[in-house]
Amino acid sequence: MVIDSYMNAKKLLRPAALVGLLIVIIGLFAYYIDKHPSIIKTLGHVSPWTLVVLLITYVILMLFWMGAYNATLNLCSERRLEPKENLLLSAYSTLANFFLPLQSGPGVRALYLKRRYKLPVTSYVFASLVYYGCYAVISAALLFLASSYWWAALPASVAAAGISLAVINFAKKRFQKKNKQLKLDLSRDRVIRLVAMTLGQIIIQAIIYGIELHSLHLSSNPLRVLSYTGAANFSLFVALTPGAIGFREAFLTFARGLHHYSTNSIIAANLIDRGTFLVFLGLLFIVVVATHARNKIKNMEL
């Protein structure tokens, strides 16, 4: 009885701690904005057309996400998701990534693929680790390559690759000890396809950040924006809060010496980004609901 109570308390403690952390971060944001009212004044001058352009760019980013997810799947399966199925699965995982903590999107995809196609979760986890490894290596290169510390780009990329390999090997040993089924095809064509989709995804992300910074009348110099993107991307790996709220801003602030944007600029740009992304998520939700409704109508007709 005592053990059951302890386990139940432990299960409740983690979500409670995450909710508490999120409340603290939102409170800090509110306090910072209250002390720097110029941020709100600056946002008031942003053109409504910026939202439209950003939404269109997010649609393009969604296409690269779909491509990256298919390329990841191809590392552990011969299956390739059809566009409609890929869109819906990508929409679900995107919504999960934003509204749930700890980057829950890959878990949503892994469970779906297991239930629908009997793909072992461990195989998809392995393939996802390769994808995140590519993401980390490219982001590390951009973080330094586009800054005054360009000479550190190669060591940073090598370090990111080394850490990624260490994580993959650690996971492999853990899975093998539990006799979990593993399958991973790292043939050249499949890896190149994954790297290309990941690189395209990051370039579109950089374009989005560039649009946001430009809308605030800040320098959108490509090199600075690429360095900014590299810093923002690393928040993905410690995203304890939904949408990495607070963590992305912290990473960007710590990396000011590389991209040279002020804290006020970072906060303002991220408010634009998160506001636009919420609208985009709303549209995704409408697409998901409409698709399911249409499928139910078709089944009733049959």
C-alpha atoms as a PDB file:
ATOM      1  CA  MET A   1       0.000   0.000   0.000  1.00  0.00           C
ATOM      2  CA  VAL A   2       2.809   2.374   0.933  1.00  0.00           C
ATOM      3  CA  ILE A   3       4.703   1.457  -2.247  1.00  0.00           C
ATOM      4  CA  ASP A   4       1.613   2.116  -4.398  1.00  0.00           C
ATOM      5  CA  SER A   5       1.140   5.499  -2.747  1.00  0.00           C
ATOM      6  CA  TYR A   6       4.793   6.327  -3.369  1.00  0.00           C
ATOM      7  CA  MET A   7       4.559   5.345  -7.033  1.00  0.00           C
ATOM      8  CA  ASN A   8       1.381   7.387  -7.523  1.00  0.00           C
ATOM      9  CA  ALA A   9       3.002  10.392  -5.860  1.00  0.00           C
ATOM     10  CA  LYS A  10       6.057   9.968  -8.075  1.00  0.00           C
ATOM     11  CA  LYS A  11       3.894   9.893 -11.204  1.00  0.00           C
ATOM     12  CA  LEU A  12       2.176  13.116 -10.172  1.00  0.00           C
ATOM     13  CA  LEU A  13       5.389  14.855  -9.107  1.00  0.00           C
ATOM     14  CA  ARG A  14       6.931  15.134 -12.580  1.00  0.00           C
ATOM     15  CA  PRO A  15       3.965  16.812 -14.347  1.00  0.00           C
ATOM     16  CA  ALA A  16       3.444  19.044 -11.307  1.00  0.00           C
ATOM     17  CA  ALA A  17       7.105  20.090 -11.400  1.00  0.00           C
ATOM     18  CA  LEU A  18       6.884  20.823 -15.138  1.00  0.00           C
ATOM     19  CA  VAL A  19       3.722  22.876 -14.691  1.00  0.00           C
ATOM     20  CA  GLY A  20       5.411  24.760 -11.853  1.00  0.00           C
ATOM     21  CA  LEU A  21       8.469  25.397 -14.027  1.00  0.00           C
ATOM     22  CA  LEU A  22       6.274  26.682 -16.848  1.00  0.00           C
ATOM     23  CA  ILE A  23       4.435  29.040 -14.480  1.00  0.00           C
ATOM     24  CA  VAL A  24       7.767  30.396 -13.206  1.00  0.00           C
ATOM     25  CA  ILE A  25       9.041  30.963 -16.759  1.00  0.00           C
ATOM     26  CA  ILE A  26       5.843  32.742 -17.821  1.00  0.00           C
ATOM     27  CA  GLY A  27       6.095  34.870 -14.675  1.00  0.00           C
ATOM     28  CA  LEU A  28       9.676  35.809 -15.538  1.00  0.00           C
ATOM     29  CA  PHE A  29       8.584  36.754 -19.062  1.00  0.00           C
ATOM     30  CA  ALA A  30       5.807  38.945 -17.682  1.00  0.00           C
ATOM     31  CA  TYR A  31       8.210  40.592 -15.210  1.00  0.00           C
ATOM     32  CA  TYR A  32      10.799  41.251 -17.931  1.00  0.00           C
ATOM     33  CA  ILE A  33       8.247  42.763 -20.310  1.00  0.00           C
ATOM     34  CA  ASP A  34       6.824  44.894 -17.486  1.00  0.00           C
ATOM     35  CA  LYS A  35      10.316  46.282 -16.883  1.00  0.00           C
ATOM     36  CA  HIS A  36      10.922  46.770 -20.630  1.00  0.00           C
ATOM     37  CA  PRO A  37       7.634  48.189 -22.050  1.00  0.00           C
ATOM     38  CA  SER A  38       9.462  49.198 -25.236  1.00  0.00           C
ATOM     39  CA  ILE A  39       9.119  45.549 -26.355  1.00  0.00           C
ATOM     40  CA  ILE A  40       5.324  45.825 -26.604  1.00  0.00           C
ATOM     41  CA  LYS A  41       5.653  49.198 -28.331  1.00  0.00           C
ATOM     42  CA  THR A  42       8.014  47.651 -30.880  1.00  0.00           C
ATOM     43  CA  LEU A  43       5.629  44.750 -31.533  1.00  0.00           C
ATOM     44  CA  GLY A  44       2.862  47.259 -32.238  1.00  0.00           C
ATOM     45  CA  HIS A  45       4.722  48.393 -35.365  1.00  0.00           C
ATOM     46  CA  VAL A  46       4.970  44.903 -36.883  1.00  0.00           C
ATOM     47  CA  SER A  47       3.004  44.663 -40.142  1.00  0.00           C
ATOM     48  CA  PRO A  48       0.079  42.182 -40.273  1.00  0.00           C
ATOM     49  CA  TRP A  49       1.550  40.962 -43.565  1.00  0.00           C
ATOM     50  CA  THR A  50       4.445  39.567 -41.559  1.00  0.00           C
ATOM     51  CA  LEU A  51       2.026  37.054 -40.037  1.00  0.00           C
ATOM     52  CA  VAL A  52       0.809  36.022 -43.491  1.00  0.00           C
ATOM     53  CA  VAL A  53       4.360  35.559 -44.823  1.00  0.00           C
ATOM     54  CA  LEU A  54       5.369  33.612 -41.724  1.00  0.00           C
ATOM     55  CA  LEU A  55       2.346  31.311 -41.993  1.00  0.00           C
ATOM     56  CA  ILE A  56       3.217  30.542 -45.626  1.00  0.00           C
ATOM     57  CA  THR A  57       6.812  29.842 -44.612  1.00  0.00           C
ATOM     58  CA  TYR A  58       5.619  27.537 -41.834  1.00  0.00           C
ATOM     59  CA  VAL A  59       3.649  25.557 -44.420  1.00  0.00           C
ATOM     60  CA  ILE A  60       6.896  25.085 -46.367  1.00  0.00           C
ATOM     61  CA  LEU A  61       8.635  24.066 -43.132  1.00  0.00           C
ATOM     62  CA  MET A  62       5.883  21.499 -42.566  1.00  0.00           C
ATOM     63  CA  LEU A  63       6.707  19.929 -45.939  1.00  0.00           C
ATOM     64  CA  PHE A  64      10.345  19.553 -44.895  1.00  0.00           C
ATOM     65  CA  TRP A  65       9.256  18.062 -41.566  1.00  0.00           C
ATOM     66  CA  MET A  66       7.228  15.511 -43.495  1.00  0.00           C
ATOM     67  CA  GLY A  67      10.225  14.764 -45.703  1.00  0.00           C
ATOM     68  CA  ALA A  68      12.513  14.393 -42.692  1.00  0.00           C
ATOM     69  CA  TYR A  69      10.040  12.080 -40.944  1.00  0.00           C
ATOM     70  CA  ASN A  70       9.793   9.858 -44.024  1.00  0.00           C
ATOM     71  CA  ALA A  71      13.582   9.831 -44.368  1.00  0.00           C
ATOM     72  CA  THR A  72      13.858   8.872 -40.691  1.00  0.00           C
ATOM     73  CA  LEU A  73      11.323   6.082 -41.185  1.00  0.00           C
ATOM     74  CA  ASN A  74      13.319   4.793 -44.173  1.00  0.00           C
ATOM     75  CA  LEU A  75      16.291   4.163 -41.878  1.00  0.00           C
ATOM     76  CA  CYS A  76      14.359   1.417 -40.104  1.00  0.00           C
ATOM     77  CA  SER A  77      11.685   0.387 -42.594  1.00  0.00           C
ATOM     78  CA  GLU A  78      11.045   0.033 -46.309  1.00  0.00           C
ATOM     79  CA  ARG A  79       7.696   1.726 -45.809  1.00  0.00           C
ATOM     80  CA  ARG A  80       7.058   5.270 -46.990  1.00  0.00           C
ATOM     81  CA  LEU A  81       4.031   7.138 -45.660  1.00  0.00           C
ATOM     82  CA  GLU A  82       1.573   8.532 -48.185  1.00  0.00           C
ATOM     83  CA  PRO A  83       1.254  12.366 -48.188  1.00  0.00           C
ATOM     84  CA  LYS A  84      -2.148  12.448 -46.429  1.00  0.00           C
ATOM     85  CA  GLU A  85      -1.086  10.012 -43.713  1.00  0.00           C
ATOM     86  CA  ASN A  86       2.261  11.770 -43.309  1.00  0.00           C
ATOM     87  CA  LEU A  87       0.514  15.147 -43.025  1.00  0.00           C
ATOM     88  CA  LEU A  88      -1.852  13.959 -40.304  1.00  0.00           C
ATOM     89  CA  LEU A  89       0.904  12.199 -38.355  1.00  0.00           C
ATOM     90  CA  SER A  90       3.150  15.263 -38.679  1.00  0.00           C
ATOM     91  CA  ALA A  91       0.295  17.468 -37.501  1.00  0.00           C
ATOM     92  CA  TYR A  92      -0.330  15.289 -34.441  1.00  0.00           C
ATOM     93  CA  SER A  93       3.376  15.169 -33.533  1.00  0.00           C
ATOM     94  CA  THR A  94       3.758  18.933 -34.044  1.00  0.00           C
ATOM     95  CA  LEU A  95       0.814  19.610 -31.740  1.00  0.00           C
ATOM     96  CA  ALA A  96       2.268  17.173 -29.182  1.00  0.00           C
ATOM     97  CA  ASN A  97       5.706  18.812 -29.405  1.00  0.00           C
ATOM     98  CA  PHE A  98       4.273  22.223 -28.570  1.00  0.00           C
ATOM     99  CA  PHE A  99       1.620  21.417 -25.994  1.00  0.00           C
ATOM    100  CA  LEU A 100       3.366  18.530 -24.219  1.00  0.00           C
ATOM    101  CA  PRO A 101       6.757  18.636 -22.465  1.00  0.00           C
ATOM    102  CA  LEU A 102       9.959  16.768 -23.324  1.00  0.00           C
ATOM    103  CA  GLN A 103       9.521  16.813 -27.129  1.00  0.00           C
ATOM    104  CA  SER A 104       6.690  14.266 -27.193  1.00  0.00           C
ATOM    105  CA  GLY A 105       6.329  14.276 -30.996  1.00  0.00           C
ATOM    106  CA  PRO A 106       8.739  11.381 -31.694  1.00  0.00           C
ATOM    107  CA  GLY A 107       6.883   9.268 -29.122  1.00  0.00           C
ATOM    108  CA  VAL A 108       3.581   9.941 -30.866  1.00  0.00           C
ATOM    109  CA  ARG A 109       5.075   8.875 -34.209  1.00  0.00           C
ATOM    110  CA  ALA A 110       6.715   5.768 -32.713  1.00  0.00           C
ATOM    111  CA  LEU A 111       3.475   4.577 -31.085  1.00  0.00           C
ATOM    112  CA  TYR A 112       1.475   5.194 -34.258  1.00  0.00           C
ATOM    113  CA  LEU A 113       3.941   3.266 -36.424  1.00  0.00           C
ATOM    114  CA  LYS A 114       3.972   0.392 -33.944  1.00  0.00           C
ATOM    115  CA  ARG A 115       0.189   0.111 -33.789  1.00  0.00           C
ATOM    116  CA  ARG A 116      -0.459   0.543 -37.498  1.00  0.00           C
ATOM    117  CA  TYR A 117       2.575  -1.127 -39.103  1.00  0.00           C
ATOM    118  CA  LYS A 118       4.019  -3.251 -36.269  1.00  0.00           C
ATOM    119  CA  LEU A 119       7.284  -1.305 -36.466  1.00  0.00           C
ATOM    120  CA  PRO A 120       9.310  -1.902 -33.277  1.00  0.00           C
ATOM    121  CA  VAL A 121       9.508   1.237 -31.159  1.00  0.00           C
ATOM    122  CA  THR A 122      13.220   0.645 -30.538  1.00  0.00           C
ATOM    123  CA  SER A 123      13.983   0.710 -34.262  1.00  0.00           C
ATOM    124  CA  TYR A 124      12.214   4.036 -34.719  1.00  0.00           C
ATOM    125  CA  VAL A 125      13.907   5.421 -31.604  1.00  0.00           C
ATOM    126  CA  PHE A 126      17.283   4.511 -33.112  1.00  0.00           C
ATOM    127  CA  ALA A 127      16.384   6.141 -36.432  1.00  0.00           C
ATOM    128  CA  SER A 128      15.185   9.269 -34.583  1.00  0.00           C
ATOM    129  CA  LEU A 129      18.506   9.478 -32.720  1.00  0.00           C
ATOM    130  CA  VAL A 130      20.279   9.564 -36.088  1.00  0.00           C
ATOM    131  CA  TYR A 131      17.957  12.366 -37.223  1.00  0.00           C
ATOM    132  CA  TYR A 132      18.628  14.389 -34.065  1.00  0.00           C
ATOM    133  CA  GLY A 133      22.337  13.720 -34.514  1.00  0.00           C
ATOM    134  CA  CYS A 134      22.195  15.286 -37.996  1.00  0.00           C
ATOM    135  CA  TYR A 135      20.200  18.179 -36.558  1.00  0.00           C
ATOM    136  CA  ALA A 136      22.806  18.747 -33.828  1.00  0.00           C
ATOM    137  CA  VAL A 137      25.814  18.595 -36.166  1.00  0.00           C
ATOM    138  CA  ILE A 138      24.319  21.065 -38.661  1.00  0.00           C
ATOM    139  CA  SER A 139      23.177  23.416 -35.890  1.00  0.00           C
ATOM    140  CA  ALA A 140      26.615  23.340 -34.238  1.00  0.00           C
ATOM    141  CA  ALA A 141      28.250  24.232 -37.538  1.00  0.00           C
ATOM    142  CA  LEU A 142      25.876  27.161 -38.133  1.00  0.00           C
ATOM    143  CA  LEU A 143      26.255  28.446 -34.574  1.00  0.00           C
ATOM    144  CA  PHE A 144      29.970  29.099 -35.061  1.00  0.00           C
ATOM    145  CA  LEU A 145      30.468  29.116 -38.836  1.00  0.00           C
ATOM    146  CA  ALA A 146      28.373  32.244 -39.216  1.00  0.00           C
ATOM    147  CA  SER A 147      29.989  34.064 -36.272  1.00  0.00           C
ATOM    148  CA  SER A 148      33.335  35.703 -35.621  1.00  0.00           C
ATOM    149  CA  TYR A 149      34.364  32.368 -34.085  1.00  0.00           C
ATOM    150  CA  TRP A 150      34.046  30.597 -37.433  1.00  0.00           C
ATOM    151  CA  TRP A 151      37.192  28.575 -36.721  1.00  0.00           C
ATOM    152  CA  ALA A 152      35.284  26.718 -33.976  1.00  0.00           C
ATOM    153  CA  ALA A 153      32.659  25.379 -36.433  1.00  0.00           C
ATOM    154  CA  LEU A 154      34.563  22.183 -37.270  1.00  0.00           C
ATOM    155  CA  PRO A 155      35.458  21.263 -33.661  1.00  0.00           C
ATOM    156  CA  ALA A 156      31.869  22.006 -32.580  1.00  0.00           C
ATOM    157  CA  SER A 157      30.464  19.787 -35.346  1.00  0.00           C
ATOM    158  CA  VAL A 158      32.887  16.986 -34.484  1.00  0.00           C
ATOM    159  CA  ALA A 159      31.923  17.294 -30.807  1.00  0.00           C
ATOM    160  CA  ALA A 160      28.209  17.192 -31.683  1.00  0.00           C
ATOM    161  CA  ALA A 161      28.795  14.120 -33.872  1.00  0.00           C
ATOM    162  CA  GLY A 162      30.787  12.437 -31.096  1.00  0.00           C
ATOM    163  CA  ILE A 163      28.093  13.084 -28.491  1.00  0.00           C
ATOM    164  CA  SER A 164      25.403  11.836 -30.887  1.00  0.00           C
ATOM    165  CA  LEU A 165      27.325   8.612 -31.542  1.00  0.00           C
ATOM    166  CA  ALA A 166      27.873   8.132 -27.823  1.00  0.00           C
ATOM    167  CA  VAL A 167      24.132   8.506 -27.158  1.00  0.00           C
ATOM    168  CA  ILE A 168      23.279   6.070 -29.970  1.00  0.00           C
ATOM    169  CA  ASN A 169      25.800   3.483 -28.710  1.00  0.00           C
ATOM    170  CA  PHE A 170      24.538   3.867 -25.142  1.00  0.00           C
ATOM    171  CA  ALA A 171      20.947   3.327 -26.283  1.00  0.00           C
ATOM    172  CA  LYS A 172      22.025   0.355 -28.404  1.00  0.00           C
ATOM    173  CA  LYS A 173      23.660  -1.372 -25.434  1.00  0.00           C
ATOM    174  CA  ARG A 174      20.639  -0.732 -23.225  1.00  0.00           C
ATOM    175  CA  PHE A 175      18.271  -2.149 -25.826  1.00  0.00           C
ATOM    176  CA  GLN A 176      20.468  -5.178 -26.499  1.00  0.00           C
ATOM    177  CA  LYS A 177      20.563  -6.000 -22.783  1.00  0.00           C
ATOM    178  CA  LYS A 178      16.783  -6.096 -22.806  1.00  0.00           C
ATOM    179  CA  ASN A 179      16.793  -8.179 -26.022  1.00  0.00           C
ATOM    180  CA  LYS A 180      14.908  -5.479 -27.862  1.00  0.00           C
ATOM    181  CA  GLN A 181      14.515  -5.798 -31.623  1.00  0.00           C
ATOM    182  CA  LEU A 182      16.755  -3.367 -33.507  1.00  0.00           C
ATOM    183  CA  LYS A 183      16.808  -2.481 -37.169  1.00  0.00           C
ATOM    184  CA  LEU A 184      18.719   0.364 -38.777  1.00  0.00           C
ATOM    185  CA  ASP A 185      19.813   0.848 -42.395  1.00  0.00           C
ATOM    186  CA  LEU A 186      22.515   3.521 -42.681  1.00  0.00           C
ATOM    187  CA  SER A 187      23.157   3.068 -46.393  1.00  0.00           C
ATOM    188  CA  ARG A 188      24.557   6.124 -48.168  1.00  0.00           C
ATOM    189  CA  ASP A 189      21.433   7.071 -50.132  1.00  0.00           C
ATOM    190  CA  ARG A 190      19.179   6.934 -47.076  1.00  0.00           C
ATOM    191  CA  VAL A 191      21.547   8.962 -44.911  1.00  0.00           C
ATOM    192  CA  ILE A 192      22.046  11.570 -47.651  1.00  0.00           C
ATOM    193  CA  ARG A 193      18.262  11.915 -47.999  1.00  0.00           C
ATOM    194  CA  LEU A 194      17.918  12.433 -44.243  1.00  0.00           C
ATOM    195  CA  VAL A 195      20.742  14.987 -44.135  1.00  0.00           C
ATOM    196  CA  ALA A 196      19.254  16.871 -47.102  1.00  0.00           C
ATOM    197  CA  MET A 197      15.796  17.050 -45.493  1.00  0.00           C
ATOM    198  CA  THR A 198      17.260  18.088 -42.150  1.00  0.00           C
ATOM    199  CA  LEU A 199      19.382  20.787 -43.780  1.00  0.00           C
ATOM    200  CA  GLY A 200      16.360  22.055 -45.728  1.00  0.00           C
ATOM    201  CA  GLN A 201      14.330  22.160 -42.518  1.00  0.00           C
ATOM    202  CA  ILE A 202      17.007  24.217 -40.740  1.00  0.00           C
ATOM    203  CA  ILE A 203      17.355  26.622 -43.681  1.00  0.00           C
ATOM    204  CA  ILE A 204      13.584  27.279 -43.628  1.00  0.00           C
ATOM    205  CA  GLN A 205      13.797  27.825 -39.870  1.00  0.00           C
ATOM    206  CA  ALA A 206      16.551  30.372 -40.500  1.00  0.00           C
ATOM    207  CA  ILE A 207      14.351  32.133 -43.064  1.00  0.00           C
ATOM    208  CA  ILE A 208      11.525  32.300 -40.496  1.00  0.00           C
ATOM    209  CA  TYR A 209      13.828  33.808 -37.875  1.00  0.00           C
ATOM    210  CA  GLY A 210      15.194  36.234 -40.464  1.00  0.00           C
ATOM    211  CA  ILE A 211      11.672  37.431 -41.338  1.00  0.00           C
ATOM    212  CA  GLU A 212      10.867  37.937 -37.649  1.00  0.00           C
ATOM    213  CA  LEU A 213      14.050  39.900 -36.979  1.00  0.00           C
ATOM    214  CA  HIS A 214      13.573  41.981 -40.126  1.00  0.00           C
ATOM    215  CA  SER A 215      10.005  42.825 -39.064  1.00  0.00           C
ATOM    216  CA  LEU A 216      11.504  44.414 -35.935  1.00  0.00           C
ATOM    217  CA  HIS A 217      13.815  46.508 -38.128  1.00  0.00           C
ATOM    218  CA  LEU A 218      16.810  44.510 -36.932  1.00  0.00           C
ATOM    219  CA  SER A 219      19.686  43.334 -39.073  1.00  0.00           C
ATOM    220  CA  SER A 220      18.758  40.209 -41.013  1.00  0.00           C
ATOM    221  CA  ASN A 221      22.311  39.599 -42.187  1.00  0.00           C
ATOM    222  CA  PRO A 222      22.317  35.933 -43.302  1.00  0.00           C
ATOM    223  CA  LEU A 223      25.391  35.035 -41.263  1.00  0.00           C
ATOM    224  CA  ARG A 224      23.967  36.497 -38.054  1.00  0.00           C
ATOM    225  CA  VAL A 225      20.609  34.822 -38.668  1.00  0.00           C
ATOM    226  CA  LEU A 226      22.281  31.440 -39.264  1.00  0.00           C
ATOM    227  CA  SER A 227      24.200  31.766 -35.986  1.00  0.00           C
ATOM    228  CA  TYR A 228      20.938  32.773 -34.246  1.00  0.00           C
ATOM    229  CA  THR A 229      19.262  29.689 -35.741  1.00  0.00           C
ATOM    230  CA  GLY A 230      22.027  27.388 -34.543  1.00  0.00           C
ATOM    231  CA  ALA A 231      21.650  28.688 -30.986  1.00  0.00           C
ATOM    232  CA  ALA A 232      17.848  28.409 -31.068  1.00  0.00           C
ATOM    233  CA  ASN A 233      17.996  24.836 -32.354  1.00  0.00           C
ATOM    234  CA  PHE A 234      20.026  23.582 -29.410  1.00  0.00           C
ATOM    235  CA  SER A 235      17.148  24.390 -27.045  1.00  0.00           C
ATOM    236  CA  LEU A 236      15.405  21.388 -28.646  1.00  0.00           C
ATOM    237  CA  PHE A 237      17.613  19.020 -26.675  1.00  0.00           C
ATOM    238  CA  VAL A 238      16.644  20.385 -23.243  1.00  0.00           C
ATOM    239  CA  ALA A 239      13.028  21.263 -23.985  1.00  0.00           C
ATOM    240  CA  LEU A 240      11.441  20.469 -20.630  1.00  0.00           C
ATOM    241  CA  THR A 241       8.587  22.903 -21.243  1.00  0.00           C
ATOM    242  CA  PRO A 242       5.997  22.872 -24.069  1.00  0.00           C
ATOM    243  CA  GLY A 243       7.506  24.457 -27.157  1.00  0.00           C
ATOM    244  CA  ALA A 244      10.801  24.887 -25.239  1.00  0.00           C
ATOM    245  CA  ILE A 245       9.312  28.078 -23.773  1.00  0.00           C
ATOM    246  CA  GLY A 246      12.007  29.891 -21.856  1.00  0.00           C
ATOM    247  CA  PHE A 247      14.761  27.488 -22.901  1.00  0.00           C
ATOM    248  CA  ARG A 248      15.056  28.777 -26.461  1.00  0.00           C
ATOM    249  CA  GLU A 249      15.173  32.359 -25.202  1.00  0.00           C
ATOM    250  CA  ALA A 250      17.820  31.359 -22.645  1.00  0.00           C
ATOM    251  CA  PHE A 251      20.007  29.675 -25.275  1.00  0.00           C
ATOM    252  CA  LEU A 252      19.732  32.689 -27.563  1.00  0.00           C
ATOM    253  CA  THR A 253      20.600  35.053 -24.709  1.00  0.00           C
ATOM    254  CA  PHE A 254      23.661  33.025 -23.701  1.00  0.00           C
ATOM    255  CA  ALA A 255      24.805  33.023 -27.342  1.00  0.00           C
ATOM    256  CA  ARG A 256      24.533  36.812 -27.781  1.00  0.00           C
ATOM    257  CA  GLY A 257      28.284  37.018 -28.304  1.00  0.00           C
ATOM    258  CA  LEU A 258      27.885  34.913 -31.454  1.00  0.00           C
ATOM    259  CA  HIS A 259      24.809  36.381 -33.167  1.00  0.00           C
ATOM    260  CA  HIS A 260      24.954  39.870 -31.501  1.00  0.00           C
ATOM    261  CA  TYR A 261      21.206  40.383 -30.967  1.00  0.00           C
ATOM    262  CA  SER A 262      20.160  42.046 -27.703  1.00  0.00           C
ATOM    263  CA  THR A 263      17.953  40.373 -25.092  1.00  0.00           C
ATOM    264  CA  ASN A 264      15.082  42.764 -25.897  1.00  0.00           C
ATOM    265  CA  SER A 265      15.346  41.807 -29.570  1.00  0.00           C
ATOM    266  CA  ILE A 266      15.383  38.103 -28.690  1.00  0.00           C
ATOM    267  CA  ILE A 267      12.263  38.403 -26.510  1.00  0.00           C
ATOM    268  CA  ALA A 268      10.379  40.481 -29.101  1.00  0.00           C
ATOM    269  CA  ALA A 269      11.284  38.151 -31.992  1.00  0.00           C
ATOM    270  CA  ASN A 270      10.263  35.088 -30.006  1.00  0.00           C
ATOM    271  CA  LEU A 271       6.934  36.636 -29.055  1.00  0.00           C
ATOM    272  CA  ILE A 272       6.259  37.079 -32.774  1.00  0.00           C
ATOM    273  CA  ASP A 273       7.406  33.533 -33.472  1.00  0.00           C
ATOM    274  CA  ARG A 274       5.326  31.906 -30.747  1.00  0.00           C
ATOM    275  CA  GLY A 275       2.250  33.969 -31.580  1.00  0.00           C
ATOM    276  CA  THR A 276       2.478  33.048 -35.259  1.00  0.00           C
ATOM    277  CA  PHE A 277       3.168  29.405 -34.446  1.00  0.00           C
ATOM    278  CA  LEU A 278       0.072  29.248 -32.255  1.00  0.00           C
ATOM    279  CA  VAL A 279      -1.992  30.463 -35.219  1.00  0.00           C
ATOM    280  CA  PHE A 280      -0.309  27.829 -37.390  1.00  0.00           C
ATOM    281  CA  LEU A 281      -1.103  25.139 -34.812  1.00  0.00           C
ATOM    282  CA  GLY A 282      -4.706  26.321 -34.792  1.00  0.00           C
ATOM    283  CA  LEU A 283      -4.862  25.838 -38.548  1.00  0.00           C
ATOM    284  CA  LEU A 284      -3.284  22.387 -38.195  1.00  0.00           C
ATOM    285  CA  PHE A 285      -5.892  21.462 -35.605  1.00  0.00           C
ATOM    286  CA  ILE A 286      -8.668  22.539 -37.976  1.00  0.00           C
ATOM    287  CA  VAL A 287      -7.125  20.388 -40.737  1.00  0.00           C
ATOM    288  CA  VAL A 288      -6.984  17.366 -38.408  1.00  0.00           C
ATOM    289  CA  VAL A 289     -10.569  17.787 -37.188  1.00  0.00           C
ATOM    290  CA  ALA A 290     -11.897  18.411 -40.718  1.00  0.00           C
ATOM    291  CA  THR A 291     -10.089  15.343 -42.070  1.00  0.00           C
ATOM    292  CA  HIS A 292     -11.458  13.062 -39.366  1.00  0.00           C
ATOM    293  CA  ALA A 293     -14.950  14.477 -39.836  1.00  0.00           C
ATOM    294  CA  ARG A 294     -14.765  13.886 -43.579  1.00  0.00           C
ATOM    295  CA  ASN A 295     -13.574  10.296 -43.028  1.00  0.00           C
ATOM    296  CA  LYS A 296     -16.476   9.605 -40.641  1.00  0.00           C
ATOM    297  CA  ILE A 297     -18.966  10.963 -43.202  1.00  0.00           C
ATOM    298  CA  LYS A 298     -17.498   8.707 -45.884  1.00  0.00           C
ATOM    299  CA  ASN A 299     -17.721   5.677 -43.598  1.00  0.00           C
ATOM    300  CA  MET A 300     -21.375   6.494 -42.821  1.00  0.00           C
ATOM    301  CA  GLU A 301     -22.106   6.700 -46.534  1.00  0.00           C
ATOM    302  CA  LEU A 302     -20.575   3.297 -47.045  1.00  0.00           C
END
